[in-house]
């Protein structure tokens, strides 16, 4: 599956097929205020997004969090992102990607 850890490279899969990962075309930053978080927060929020063949996020899944509700705020923002869908041999396909947000940012 394109975008998956075993799926593809930016320039295409190393085989007979041309595989391209999904690329964000509308990607607003999550509305997270550093001032509203404890100073000691350190770590990554990682969320897996499932992108359909039209470039719409259809599902999010939290893989790692630092707490304080950051994962829900970030997941909600990711659901509003729009993507250029992944392609296999020029045909749009659904894909998954992990999105990582580092704190402090």
Protein backbone atom coordinates (compact mmCIF):
# COMPACT_ATOMS: atom_id res chain seq x y z
CA UNK A 1 0.00 0.00 0.00
CA UNK A 2 1.50 3.39 -0.94
CA UNK A 3 2.60 5.48 1.99
CA UNK A 4 2.96 2.42 4.19
CA UNK A 5 6.38 1.70 5.70
CA UNK A 6 6.90 -1.17 3.24
CA UNK A 7 5.08 0.56 0.37
CA UNK A 8 6.89 3.08 -1.74
CA UNK A 9 9.63 5.60 -2.30
CA UNK A 10 9.10 9.22 -3.31
CA UNK A 11 10.21 8.46 -6.86
CA UNK A 12 8.19 5.24 -7.07
CA UNK A 13 8.47 1.64 -5.98
CA UNK A 14 11.61 -0.26 -6.92
CA UNK A 15 9.84 -2.65 -9.31
CA UNK A 16 7.88 -2.63 -12.54
CA UNK A 17 5.17 -0.38 -11.07
CA UNK A 18 5.19 3.37 -10.59
CA UNK A 19 4.00 3.99 -7.01
CA UNK A 20 3.63 7.54 -5.62
CA UNK A 21 2.76 8.42 -2.04
CA UNK A 22 -0.02 10.86 -1.15
CA UNK A 23 1.10 14.48 -0.72
CA UNK A 24 -0.71 17.14 1.34
CA UNK A 25 -2.05 20.10 -0.65
CA UNK A 26 -3.99 21.76 2.21
CA UNK A 27 -2.38 21.23 5.61
CA UNK A 28 -3.17 23.80 8.31
CA UNK A 29 -1.23 23.58 11.57
CA UNK A 30 -3.07 22.18 14.59
CA UNK A 31 -4.30 24.99 16.90
CA UNK A 32 -2.01 24.06 19.80
CA UNK A 33 -0.85 26.90 22.01
CA UNK A 34 2.50 26.23 23.64
CA UNK A 35 1.54 28.70 26.39
CA UNK A 36 -1.36 26.43 27.39
CA UNK A 37 0.86 23.39 27.92
CA UNK A 38 3.15 22.51 30.84
CA UNK A 39 6.76 23.53 30.17
CA UNK A 40 8.05 19.99 30.78
CA UNK A 41 6.11 18.32 27.93
CA UNK A 42 8.50 16.52 25.60
CA UNK A 43 7.81 13.90 22.96
CA UNK A 44 5.94 13.08 19.79
CA UNK A 45 2.32 12.69 18.84
CA UNK A 46 2.05 10.19 15.98
CA UNK A 47 -1.24 9.68 14.18
CA UNK A 48 -1.90 7.32 11.29
CA UNK A 49 -4.15 8.82 8.61
CA UNK A 50 -6.05 6.85 6.00
CA UNK A 51 -6.46 8.79 2.76
CA UNK A 52 -8.99 7.71 0.14
CA UNK A 53 -8.52 7.81 -3.63
CA UNK A 54 -9.99 11.34 -3.71
CA UNK A 55 -7.46 12.78 -1.24
CA UNK A 56 -9.81 12.95 1.74
CA UNK A 57 -8.80 11.69 5.20
CA UNK A 58 -11.31 8.97 6.06
CA UNK A 59 -9.82 7.69 9.31
CA UNK A 60 -7.27 8.62 11.98
CA UNK A 61 -5.66 6.39 14.58
CA UNK A 62 -3.46 7.56 17.46
CA UNK A 63 -0.22 5.57 17.57
CA UNK A 64 1.63 7.63 20.20
CA UNK A 65 0.76 10.61 22.39
CA UNK A 66 2.17 12.86 25.11
CA UNK A 67 -1.24 13.44 26.72
CA UNK A 68 -3.11 16.64 27.56
CA UNK A 69 -5.64 16.03 24.76
CA UNK A 70 -3.12 16.95 22.08
CA UNK A 71 -3.91 13.81 20.08
CA UNK A 72 -7.60 14.72 19.68
CA UNK A 73 -6.80 18.30 18.60
CA UNK A 74 -4.21 17.09 16.10
CA UNK A 75 -6.45 14.27 14.77
CA UNK A 76 -9.30 16.74 14.24
CA UNK A 77 -7.00 19.05 12.28
CA UNK A 78 -5.66 16.14 10.19
CA UNK A 79 -9.21 15.21 9.19
CA UNK A 80 -9.47 18.65 7.52
CA UNK A 81 -6.31 18.16 5.44
CA UNK A 82 -6.64 17.54 1.70
CA UNK A 83 -4.21 15.39 -0.24
CA UNK A 84 -3.06 14.64 -3.73
CA UNK A 85 -3.91 10.92 -3.52
CA UNK A 86 -1.40 8.11 -3.78
CA UNK A 87 -1.10 6.56 -7.23
CA UNK A 88 -0.15 3.20 -8.62
CA UNK A 89 0.65 3.28 -12.33
CA UNK A 90 -1.19 6.61 -12.59
CA UNK A 91 -4.38 5.36 -10.89
CA UNK A 92 -5.44 7.01 -7.60
CA UNK A 93 -5.59 4.58 -4.67
CA UNK A 94 -6.27 4.73 -0.94
CA UNK A 95 -3.22 4.86 1.33
CA UNK A 96 -2.04 5.31 4.91
CA UNK A 97 0.63 7.57 6.35
CA UNK A 98 1.96 8.29 9.81
CA UNK A 99 2.04 11.97 10.74
CA UNK A 100 4.46 13.02 13.50
CA UNK A 101 4.22 16.21 15.59
CA UNK A 102 7.14 16.96 17.92
CA UNK A 103 6.83 18.82 21.22
CA UNK A 104 8.21 21.25 22.13
CA UNK A 105 7.68 22.70 18.72
